[in-house]
PDB file of N, CA and C in Angstrom:
ATOM      1  N   MET A   1      43.020 -21.086 -21.844  1.00  0.00           N
ATOM      2  CA  MET A   1      42.226 -21.167 -23.057  1.00  0.00           C
ATOM      3  C   MET A   1      40.824 -21.671 -22.741  1.00  0.00           C
ATOM      4  N   ARG A   2      40.717 -22.470 -21.713  1.00  0.00           N
ATOM      5  CA  ARG A   2      39.421 -23.022 -21.333  1.00  0.00           C
ATOM      6  C   ARG A   2      38.474 -21.923 -20.851  1.00  0.00           C
ATOM      7  N   ALA A   3      39.023 -20.948 -20.122  1.00  0.00           N
ATOM      8  CA  ALA A   3      38.197 -19.857 -19.611  1.00  0.00           C
ATOM      9  C   ALA A   3      37.690 -18.983 -20.751  1.00  0.00           C
ATOM     10  N   PHE A   4      38.506 -18.815 -21.799  1.00  0.00           N
ATOM     11  CA  PHE A   4      38.081 -18.003 -22.937  1.00  0.00           C
ATOM     12  C   PHE A   4      36.862 -18.621 -23.618  1.00  0.00           C
ATOM     13  N   SER A   5      36.855 -19.926 -23.781  1.00  0.00           N
ATOM     14  CA  SER A   5      35.714 -20.567 -24.439  1.00  0.00           C
ATOM     15  C   SER A   5      34.460 -20.465 -23.576  1.00  0.00           C
ATOM     16  N   ARG A   6      34.620 -20.506 -22.263  1.00  0.00           N
ATOM     17  CA  ARG A   6      33.460 -20.342 -21.376  1.00  0.00           C
ATOM     18  C   ARG A   6      32.902 -18.930 -21.471  1.00  0.00           C
ATOM     19  N   VAL A   7      33.785 -17.956 -21.519  1.00  0.00           N
ATOM     20  CA  VAL A   7      33.346 -16.559 -21.631  1.00  0.00           C
ATOM     21  C   VAL A   7      32.663 -16.333 -22.969  1.00  0.00           C
ATOM     22  N   THR A   8      33.229 -16.908 -24.028  1.00  0.00           N
ATOM     23  CA  THR A   8      32.637 -16.770 -25.357  1.00  0.00           C
ATOM     24  C   THR A   8      31.259 -17.417 -25.395  1.00  0.00           C
ATOM     25  N   LEU A   9      31.151 -18.606 -24.846  1.00  0.00           N
ATOM     26  CA  LEU A   9      29.872 -19.300 -24.819  1.00  0.00           C
ATOM     27  C   LEU A   9      28.845 -18.532 -23.995  1.00  0.00           C
ATOM     28  N   PHE A  10      29.269 -17.994 -22.858  1.00  0.00           N
ATOM     29  CA  PHE A  10      28.366 -17.213 -22.021  1.00  0.00           C
ATOM     30  C   PHE A  10      27.933 -15.934 -22.740  1.00  0.00           C
ATOM     31  N   GLY A  11      28.858 -15.311 -23.453  1.00  0.00           N
ATOM     32  CA  GLY A  11      28.531 -14.100 -24.212  1.00  0.00           C
ATOM     33  C   GLY A  11      27.524 -14.377 -25.315  1.00  0.00           C
ATOM     34  N   LEU A  12      27.708 -15.487 -26.024  1.00  0.00           N
ATOM     35  CA  LEU A  12      26.750 -15.852 -27.073  1.00  0.00           C
ATOM     36  C   LEU A  12      25.383 -16.156 -26.488  1.00  0.00           C
ATOM     37  N   LEU A  13      25.363 -16.781 -25.322  1.00  0.00           N
ATOM     38  CA  LEU A  13      24.098 -17.066 -24.664  1.00  0.00           C
ATOM     39  C   LEU A  13      23.367 -15.779 -24.293  1.00  0.00           C
ATOM     40  N   ILE A  14      24.093 -14.805 -23.790  1.00  0.00           N
ATOM     41  CA  ILE A  14      23.495 -13.513 -23.436  1.00  0.00           C
ATOM     42  C   ILE A  14      22.959 -12.813 -24.683  1.00  0.00           C
ATOM     43  N   VAL A  15      23.716 -12.870 -25.781  1.00  0.00           N
ATOM     44  CA  VAL A  15      23.264 -12.250 -27.033  1.00  0.00           C
ATOM     45  C   VAL A  15      21.987 -12.920 -27.529  1.00  0.00           C
ATOM     46  N   LEU A  16      21.944 -14.246 -27.489  1.00  0.00           N
ATOM     47  CA  LEU A  16      20.750 -14.960 -27.941  1.00  0.00           C
ATOM     48  C   LEU A  16      19.537 -14.656 -27.065  1.00  0.00           C
ATOM     49  N   ILE A  17      19.750 -14.531 -25.771  1.00  0.00           N
ATOM     50  CA  ILE A  17      18.641 -14.177 -24.871  1.00  0.00           C
ATOM     51  C   ILE A  17      18.147 -12.769 -25.184  1.00  0.00           C
ATOM     52  N   GLY A  18      19.081 -11.854 -25.424  1.00  0.00           N
ATOM     53  CA  GLY A  18      18.690 -10.493 -25.793  1.00  0.00           C
ATOM     54  C   GLY A  18      17.919 -10.441 -27.095  1.00  0.00           C
ATOM     55  N   LEU A  19      18.350 -11.215 -28.075  1.00  0.00           N
ATOM     56  CA  LEU A  19      17.614 -11.272 -29.339  1.00  0.00           C
ATOM     57  C   LEU A  19      16.238 -11.903 -29.166  1.00  0.00           C
ATOM     58  N   ALA A  20      16.146 -12.900 -28.323  1.00  0.00           N
ATOM     59  CA  ALA A  20      14.872 -13.577 -28.123  1.00  0.00           C
ATOM     60  C   ALA A  20      13.856 -12.687 -27.410  1.00  0.00           C
ATOM     61  N   GLU A  21      14.332 -11.778 -26.586  1.00  0.00           N
ATOM     62  CA  GLU A  21      13.418 -10.906 -25.847  1.00  0.00           C
ATOM     63  C   GLU A  21      13.007  -9.666 -26.626  1.00  0.00           C
ATOM     64  N   SER A  22      13.652  -9.378 -27.732  1.00  0.00           N
ATOM     65  CA  SER A  22      13.291  -8.189 -28.493  1.00  0.00           C
ATOM     66  C   SER A  22      11.931  -8.383 -29.166  1.00  0.00           C
ATOM     67  N   THR A  23      11.250  -7.290 -29.412  1.00  0.00           N
ATOM     68  CA  THR A  23       9.918  -7.373 -30.021  1.00  0.00           C
ATOM     69  C   THR A  23       9.989  -7.809 -31.472  1.00  0.00           C
ATOM     70  N   TYR A  24      11.118  -7.551 -32.133  1.00  0.00           N
ATOM     71  CA  TYR A  24      11.262  -7.952 -33.534  1.00  0.00           C
ATOM     72  C   TYR A  24      11.238  -9.469 -33.688  1.00  0.00           C
ATOM     73  N   SER A  25      11.775 -10.183 -32.709  1.00  0.00           N
ATOM     74  CA  SER A  25      11.861 -11.638 -32.828  1.00  0.00           C
ATOM     75  C   SER A  25      10.510 -12.322 -32.642  1.00  0.00           C
ATOM     76  N   HIS A  26       9.490 -11.572 -32.299  1.00  0.00           N
ATOM     77  CA  HIS A  26       8.160 -12.164 -32.134  1.00  0.00           C
ATOM     78  C   HIS A  26       7.392 -12.228 -33.454  1.00  0.00           C
ATOM     79  N   SER A  27       7.973 -11.710 -34.524  1.00  0.00           N
ATOM     80  CA  SER A  27       7.370 -11.835 -35.845  1.00  0.00           C
ATOM     81  C   SER A  27       7.902 -13.102 -36.510  1.00  0.00           C
ATOM     82  N   ALA A  28       7.293 -13.505 -37.601  1.00  0.00           N
ATOM     83  CA  ALA A  28       7.703 -14.733 -38.284  1.00  0.00           C
ATOM     84  C   ALA A  28       9.128 -14.611 -38.833  1.00  0.00           C
ATOM     85  N   SER A  29       9.446 -13.477 -39.430  1.00  0.00           N
ATOM     86  CA  SER A  29      10.797 -13.327 -39.979  1.00  0.00           C
ATOM     87  C   SER A  29      11.845 -13.243 -38.865  1.00  0.00           C
ATOM     88  N   GLY A  30      11.486 -12.656 -37.745  1.00  0.00           N
ATOM     89  CA  GLY A  30      12.415 -12.585 -36.612  1.00  0.00           C
ATOM     90  C   GLY A  30      12.713 -13.953 -36.041  1.00  0.00           C
ATOM     91  N   VAL A  31      11.701 -14.807 -35.982  1.00  0.00           N
ATOM     92  CA  VAL A  31      11.902 -16.166 -35.478  1.00  0.00           C
ATOM     93  C   VAL A  31      12.819 -16.943 -36.409  1.00  0.00           C
ATOM     94  N   VAL A  32      12.619 -16.794 -37.703  1.00  0.00           N
ATOM     95  CA  VAL A  32      13.462 -17.494 -38.679  1.00  0.00           C
ATOM     96  C   VAL A  32      14.899 -16.997 -38.586  1.00  0.00           C
ATOM     97  N   GLN A  33      15.093 -15.692 -38.466  1.00  0.00           N
ATOM     98  CA  GLN A  33      16.444 -15.151 -38.367  1.00  0.00           C
ATOM     99  C   GLN A  33      17.133 -15.597 -37.084  1.00  0.00           C
ATOM    100  N   LEU A  34      16.402 -15.624 -35.985  1.00  0.00           N
ATOM    101  CA  LEU A  34      16.974 -16.091 -34.722  1.00  0.00           C
ATOM    102  C   LEU A  34      17.350 -17.566 -34.814  1.00  0.00           C
ATOM    103  N   PHE A  35      16.519 -18.362 -35.465  1.00  0.00           N
ATOM    104  CA  PHE A  35      16.825 -19.775 -35.656  1.00  0.00           C
ATOM    105  C   PHE A  35      18.070 -19.956 -36.517  1.00  0.00           C
ATOM    106  N   LEU A  36      18.176 -19.201 -37.609  1.00  0.00           N
ATOM    107  CA  LEU A  36      19.330 -19.329 -38.496  1.00  0.00           C
ATOM    108  C   LEU A  36      20.622 -18.884 -37.805  1.00  0.00           C
ATOM    109  N   PHE A  37      20.555 -17.829 -37.006  1.00  0.00           N
ATOM    110  CA  PHE A  37      21.730 -17.388 -36.263  1.00  0.00           C
ATOM    111  C   PHE A  37      22.150 -18.446 -35.247  1.00  0.00           C
ATOM    112  N   SER A  38      21.190 -19.021 -34.552  1.00  0.00           N
ATOM    113  CA  SER A  38      21.494 -20.068 -33.576  1.00  0.00           C
ATOM    114  C   SER A  38      22.075 -21.295 -34.260  1.00  0.00           C
ATOM    115  N   LEU A  39      21.544 -21.649 -35.418  1.00  0.00           N
ATOM    116  CA  LEU A  39      22.056 -22.782 -36.176  1.00  0.00           C
ATOM    117  C   LEU A  39      23.491 -22.523 -36.633  1.00  0.00           C
ATOM    118  N   PHE A  40      23.764 -21.306 -37.081  1.00  0.00           N
ATOM    119  CA  PHE A  40      25.109 -20.927 -37.505  1.00  0.00           C
ATOM    120  C   PHE A  40      26.103 -21.056 -36.359  1.00  0.00           C
ATOM    121  N   VAL A  41      25.737 -20.554 -35.185  1.00  0.00           N
ATOM    122  CA  VAL A  41      26.624 -20.621 -34.028  1.00  0.00           C
ATOM    123  C   VAL A  41      26.821 -22.069 -33.595  1.00  0.00           C
ATOM    124  N   SER A  42      25.761 -22.851 -33.559  1.00  0.00           N
ATOM    125  CA  SER A  42      25.860 -24.242 -33.128  1.00  0.00           C
ATOM    126  C   SER A  42      26.730 -25.062 -34.080  1.00  0.00           C
ATOM    127  N   LEU A  43      26.534 -24.883 -35.372  1.00  0.00           N
ATOM    128  CA  LEU A  43      27.352 -25.619 -36.333  1.00  0.00           C
ATOM    129  C   LEU A  43      28.817 -25.193 -36.247  1.00  0.00           C
ATOM    130  N   GLY A  44      29.061 -23.928 -35.968  1.00  0.00           N
ATOM    131  CA  GLY A  44      30.433 -23.471 -35.796  1.00  0.00           C
ATOM    132  C   GLY A  44      31.108 -24.155 -34.631  1.00  0.00           C
ATOM    133  N   PHE A  45      30.402 -24.284 -33.508  1.00  0.00           N
ATOM    134  CA  PHE A  45      30.972 -24.988 -32.361  1.00  0.00           C
ATOM    135  C   PHE A  45      31.177 -26.465 -32.663  1.00  0.00           C
ATOM    136  N   LEU A  46      30.240 -27.083 -33.356  1.00  0.00           N
ATOM    137  CA  LEU A  46      30.374 -28.508 -33.667  1.00  0.00           C
ATOM    138  C   LEU A  46      31.509 -28.775 -34.643  1.00  0.00           C
ATOM    139  N   LEU A  47      31.635 -27.934 -35.658  1.00  0.00           N
ATOM    140  CA  LEU A  47      32.637 -28.173 -36.688  1.00  0.00           C
ATOM    141  C   LEU A  47      34.036 -27.720 -36.288  1.00  0.00           C
ATOM    142  N   PHE A  48      34.140 -26.607 -35.577  1.00  0.00           N
ATOM    143  CA  PHE A  48      35.445 -26.019 -35.313  1.00  0.00           C
ATOM    144  C   PHE A  48      35.795 -25.949 -33.828  1.00  0.00           C
ATOM    145  N   GLY A  49      34.968 -26.485 -32.963  1.00  0.00           N
ATOM    146  CA  GLY A  49      35.222 -26.403 -31.521  1.00  0.00           C
ATOM    147  C   GLY A  49      36.383 -27.245 -31.059  1.00  0.00           C
ATOM    148  N   ALA A  50      36.735 -28.279 -31.796  1.00  0.00           N
ATOM    149  CA  ALA A  50      37.817 -29.164 -31.377  1.00  0.00           C
ATOM    150  C   ALA A  50      39.182 -28.689 -31.856  1.00  0.00           C
ATOM    151  N   GLN A  51      39.236 -27.672 -32.698  1.00  0.00           N
ATOM    152  CA  GLN A  51      40.520 -27.183 -33.193  1.00  0.00           C
ATOM    153  C   GLN A  51      41.237 -26.406 -32.106  1.00  0.00           C
ATOM    154  N   ARG A  52      42.528 -26.628 -32.019  1.00  0.00           N
ATOM    155  CA  ARG A  52      43.346 -25.957 -31.006  1.00  0.00           C
ATOM    156  C   ARG A  52      44.535 -25.293 -31.694  1.00  0.00           C
ATOM    157  N   PHE A  53      45.001 -24.206 -31.127  1.00  0.00           N
ATOM    158  CA  PHE A  53      46.201 -23.558 -31.614  1.00  0.00           C
ATOM    159  C   PHE A  53      47.409 -24.263 -31.012  1.00  0.00           C
ATOM    160  N   GLU A  54      48.470 -24.379 -31.804  1.00  0.00           N
ATOM    161  CA  GLU A  54      49.690 -24.997 -31.303  1.00  0.00           C
ATOM    162  C   GLU A  54      50.405 -24.025 -30.372  1.00  0.00           C
ATOM    163  N   ALA A  55      50.869 -24.548 -29.254  1.00  0.00           N
ATOM    164  CA  ALA A  55      51.602 -23.714 -28.299  1.00  0.00           C
ATOM    165  C   ALA A  55      53.004 -23.469 -28.830  1.00  0.00           C
ATOM    166  N   LYS A  56      53.445 -22.227 -28.752  1.00  0.00           N
ATOM    167  CA  LYS A  56      54.810 -21.896 -29.178  1.00  0.00           C
ATOM    168  C   LYS A  56      55.769 -22.238 -28.042  1.00  0.00           C
ATOM    169  N   PRO A  57      56.891 -22.850 -28.378  1.00  0.00           N
ATOM    170  CA  PRO A  57      57.887 -23.102 -27.326  1.00  0.00           C
ATOM    171  C   PRO A  57      58.424 -21.780 -26.794  1.00  0.00           C
ATOM    172  N   PRO A  58      58.744 -21.716 -25.502  1.00  0.00           N
ATOM    173  CA  PRO A  58      59.250 -20.451 -24.960  1.00  0.00           C
ATOM    174  C   PRO A  58      60.585 -20.059 -25.593  1.00  0.00           C
ATOM    175  N   GLY A  59      60.721 -18.792 -25.848  1.00  0.00           N
ATOM    176  CA  GLY A  59      61.961 -18.268 -26.415  1.00  0.00           C
ATOM    177  C   GLY A  59      61.960 -18.134 -27.939  1.00  0.00           C
ATOM    178  N   THR A  60      60.915 -18.588 -28.613  1.00  0.00           N
ATOM    179  CA  THR A  60      60.851 -18.427 -30.060  1.00  0.00           C
ATOM    180  C   THR A  60      60.071 -17.175 -30.400  1.00  0.00           C
ATOM    181  N   PRO A  61      60.549 -16.395 -31.359  1.00  0.00           N
ATOM    182  CA  PRO A  61      59.844 -15.151 -31.723  1.00  0.00           C
ATOM    183  C   PRO A  61      58.568 -15.402 -32.487  1.00  0.00           C
TER     184      PRO A  61
END
């Protein structure tokens, strides 16, 4: 499960870098949208990053 969160975090980082390099993000509205998306992702990690799924005991359907 630890590797999945690293891959997810790395994927989000790549997406944010791609958005930051686009020409649209160099306008005022693009900067605001990029900031709001980053804020949304950051708050999601802060609020829900500590939640874990319960492991099912082996042999249960």
